[in-house]
Amino acid sequence: MTIRTRKLFGTFILLLWLIVYALLAMAAGGQFVVGRGIFFELPYYVFAGAAWLPVAMVIIRWMSKPDPV
């Protein structure tokens, strides 16, 4: 698979991942965190704001692999 094809697929996969993750984080936050006070909300928002990054980094690393020669 060429790098251009991987970037095309990776872009769609990354977009799909972000949409699904945002909806799940929003649902979990609304169900378990909102209204319980700042000591529950702040750590959740920090964690939820950064938890999507490892998956995105793997996708971007895969997209950036050089073409086999």
N, C-alpha and C. Protein backbone atom coordinates (compact mmCIF):
# COMPACT_ATOMS: atom_id res chain seq x y z
N MET A 1 0.85 -1.16 0.00
CA MET A 1 0.00 0.00 0.00
C MET A 1 0.90 1.24 0.00
N THR A 2 0.60 2.16 -0.85
CA THR A 2 1.43 3.37 -0.94
C THR A 2 1.11 4.31 0.21
N ILE A 3 2.00 5.26 0.42
CA ILE A 3 1.82 6.21 1.51
C ILE A 3 0.58 7.08 1.27
N ARG A 4 0.30 7.38 0.02
CA ARG A 4 -0.89 8.19 -0.28
C ARG A 4 -2.17 7.45 0.09
N THR A 5 -2.21 6.15 -0.18
CA THR A 5 -3.38 5.35 0.16
C THR A 5 -3.52 5.21 1.67
N ARG A 6 -2.38 4.99 2.36
CA ARG A 6 -2.42 4.90 3.81
C ARG A 6 -2.90 6.21 4.43
N LYS A 7 -2.47 7.33 3.89
CA LYS A 7 -2.90 8.63 4.42
C LYS A 7 -4.39 8.85 4.19
N LEU A 8 -4.91 8.40 3.06
CA LEU A 8 -6.34 8.52 2.79
C LEU A 8 -7.13 7.68 3.79
N PHE A 9 -6.77 6.40 3.92
CA PHE A 9 -7.47 5.53 4.87
C PHE A 9 -7.26 6.01 6.31
N GLY A 10 -6.06 6.42 6.64
CA GLY A 10 -5.76 6.88 7.99
C GLY A 10 -6.55 8.12 8.36
N THR A 11 -6.74 9.02 7.41
CA THR A 11 -7.53 10.21 7.69
C THR A 11 -8.96 9.85 8.04
N PHE A 12 -9.56 8.95 7.28
CA PHE A 12 -10.93 8.54 7.57
C PHE A 12 -11.02 7.75 8.88
N ILE A 13 -10.04 6.89 9.13
CA ILE A 13 -10.04 6.13 10.38
C ILE A 13 -9.88 7.07 11.58
N LEU A 14 -8.98 8.04 11.46
CA LEU A 14 -8.77 9.00 12.53
C LEU A 14 -10.01 9.84 12.79
N LEU A 15 -10.65 10.28 11.75
CA LEU A 15 -11.88 11.05 11.89
C LEU A 15 -12.97 10.23 12.55
N LEU A 16 -13.12 8.99 12.12
CA LEU A 16 -14.11 8.10 12.72
C LEU A 16 -13.79 7.86 14.19
N TRP A 17 -12.51 7.60 14.52
CA TRP A 17 -12.10 7.37 15.90
C TRP A 17 -12.43 8.58 16.77
N LEU A 18 -12.14 9.79 16.29
CA LEU A 18 -12.39 10.99 17.08
C LEU A 18 -13.89 11.20 17.33
N ILE A 19 -14.70 10.93 16.34
CA ILE A 19 -16.15 11.08 16.51
C ILE A 19 -16.67 10.08 17.53
N VAL A 20 -16.29 8.82 17.38
CA VAL A 20 -16.74 7.78 18.31
C VAL A 20 -16.23 8.07 19.72
N TYR A 21 -14.96 8.42 19.84
CA TYR A 21 -14.39 8.70 21.16
C TYR A 21 -15.09 9.89 21.82
N ALA A 22 -15.30 10.96 21.06
CA ALA A 22 -15.95 12.14 21.64
C ALA A 22 -17.36 11.81 22.13
N LEU A 23 -18.10 11.02 21.37
CA LEU A 23 -19.45 10.65 21.81
C LEU A 23 -19.42 9.77 23.05
N LEU A 24 -18.48 8.83 23.11
CA LEU A 24 -18.37 7.96 24.29
C LEU A 24 -17.92 8.76 25.52
N ALA A 25 -16.95 9.65 25.35
CA ALA A 25 -16.47 10.45 26.48
C ALA A 25 -17.56 11.39 26.96
N MET A 26 -18.33 11.94 26.05
CA MET A 26 -19.42 12.83 26.42
C MET A 26 -20.50 12.07 27.17
N ALA A 27 -20.85 10.87 26.71
CA ALA A 27 -21.87 10.06 27.37
C ALA A 27 -21.40 9.64 28.76
N ALA A 28 -20.15 9.20 28.88
CA ALA A 28 -19.63 8.78 30.18
C ALA A 28 -19.55 9.96 31.14
N GLY A 29 -19.11 11.10 30.66
CA GLY A 29 -19.03 12.29 31.50
C GLY A 29 -20.40 12.75 31.96
N GLY A 30 -21.35 12.73 31.06
CA GLY A 30 -22.70 13.14 31.42
C GLY A 30 -23.36 12.19 32.40
N GLN A 31 -23.05 10.93 32.29
CA GLN A 31 -23.66 9.92 33.16
C GLN A 31 -23.00 9.87 34.53
N PHE A 32 -21.70 9.94 34.59
CA PHE A 32 -20.99 9.66 35.84
C PHE A 32 -20.30 10.86 36.49
N VAL A 33 -20.06 11.93 35.76
CA VAL A 33 -19.18 12.98 36.28
C VAL A 33 -19.88 14.31 36.50
N VAL A 34 -20.65 14.77 35.56
CA VAL A 34 -21.25 16.10 35.63
C VAL A 34 -22.15 16.20 36.86
N GLY A 35 -21.96 17.29 37.61
CA GLY A 35 -22.78 17.54 38.78
C GLY A 35 -22.21 16.98 40.07
N ARG A 36 -21.06 16.33 40.01
CA ARG A 36 -20.48 15.73 41.22
C ARG A 36 -19.41 16.63 41.85
N GLY A 37 -19.18 17.78 41.29
CA GLY A 37 -18.21 18.70 41.86
C GLY A 37 -16.92 18.76 41.08
N ILE A 38 -16.17 19.79 41.37
CA ILE A 38 -14.94 20.06 40.63
C ILE A 38 -13.89 18.97 40.83
N PHE A 39 -13.90 18.30 41.99
CA PHE A 39 -12.89 17.28 42.25
C PHE A 39 -13.10 16.02 41.43
N PHE A 40 -14.29 15.81 40.90
CA PHE A 40 -14.54 14.71 39.98
C PHE A 40 -14.43 15.18 38.53
N GLU A 41 -14.93 16.38 38.28
CA GLU A 41 -14.98 16.87 36.90
C GLU A 41 -13.61 17.20 36.32
N LEU A 42 -12.80 17.92 37.07
CA LEU A 42 -11.51 18.35 36.54
C LEU A 42 -10.61 17.18 36.14
N PRO A 43 -10.40 16.18 37.01
CA PRO A 43 -9.57 15.05 36.58
C PRO A 43 -10.17 14.30 35.39
N TYR A 44 -11.49 14.20 35.35
CA TYR A 44 -12.11 13.51 34.21
C TYR A 44 -11.84 14.27 32.92
N TYR A 45 -12.01 15.60 32.94
CA TYR A 45 -11.79 16.37 31.72
C TYR A 45 -10.34 16.32 31.27
N VAL A 46 -9.41 16.32 32.23
CA VAL A 46 -7.99 16.20 31.87
C VAL A 46 -7.73 14.83 31.24
N PHE A 47 -8.22 13.78 31.89
CA PHE A 47 -8.02 12.43 31.35
C PHE A 47 -8.71 12.25 30.00
N ALA A 48 -9.98 12.64 29.92
CA ALA A 48 -10.74 12.47 28.68
C ALA A 48 -10.16 13.32 27.55
N GLY A 49 -9.58 14.46 27.90
CA GLY A 49 -8.98 15.32 26.88
C GLY A 49 -7.71 14.75 26.29
N ALA A 50 -7.04 13.87 27.02
CA ALA A 50 -5.77 13.32 26.54
C ALA A 50 -5.85 11.85 26.17
N ALA A 51 -6.92 11.16 26.52
CA ALA A 51 -6.98 9.70 26.33
C ALA A 51 -7.09 9.29 24.86
N TRP A 52 -7.50 10.17 23.99
CA TRP A 52 -7.62 9.81 22.58
C TRP A 52 -6.27 9.84 21.87
N LEU A 53 -5.28 10.48 22.48
CA LEU A 53 -3.99 10.68 21.81
C LEU A 53 -3.22 9.39 21.50
N PRO A 54 -3.13 8.40 22.40
CA PRO A 54 -2.35 7.20 22.03
C PRO A 54 -2.86 6.49 20.77
N VAL A 55 -4.16 6.39 20.64
CA VAL A 55 -4.70 5.74 19.43
C VAL A 55 -4.42 6.60 18.20
N ALA A 56 -4.58 7.90 18.32
CA ALA A 56 -4.30 8.79 17.20
C ALA A 56 -2.82 8.73 16.80
N MET A 57 -1.94 8.61 17.80
CA MET A 57 -0.52 8.52 17.50
C MET A 57 -0.18 7.25 16.74
N VAL A 58 -0.82 6.15 17.09
CA VAL A 58 -0.59 4.89 16.37
C VAL A 58 -1.07 5.01 14.92
N ILE A 59 -2.23 5.59 14.73
CA ILE A 59 -2.77 5.77 13.37
C ILE A 59 -1.86 6.66 12.55
N ILE A 60 -1.41 7.77 13.12
CA ILE A 60 -0.55 8.69 12.39
C ILE A 60 0.80 8.05 12.10
N ARG A 61 1.34 7.28 13.03
CA ARG A 61 2.61 6.58 12.79
C ARG A 61 2.45 5.60 11.63
N TRP A 62 1.33 4.88 11.59
CA TRP A 62 1.07 3.93 10.50
C TRP A 62 0.95 4.68 9.17
N MET A 63 0.27 5.83 9.19
CA MET A 63 0.10 6.61 7.96
C MET A 63 1.44 7.10 7.41
N SER A 64 2.38 7.38 8.29
CA SER A 64 3.65 8.01 7.88
C SER A 64 4.74 7.01 7.51
N LYS A 65 4.45 5.72 7.60
CA LYS A 65 5.46 4.72 7.23
C LYS A 65 5.89 4.94 5.78
N PRO A 66 7.18 4.83 5.50
CA PRO A 66 7.62 4.99 4.11
C PRO A 66 7.16 3.81 3.25
N ASP A 67 7.07 4.07 1.97
CA ASP A 67 6.71 3.01 1.02
C ASP A 67 7.80 1.95 0.98
N PRO A 68 7.41 0.67 0.86
CA PRO A 68 8.43 -0.35 0.67
C PRO A 68 9.08 -0.20 -0.71
N VAL A 69 10.34 -0.46 -0.74
CA VAL A 69 11.08 -0.27 -2.01
C VAL A 69 11.14 -1.54 -2.80
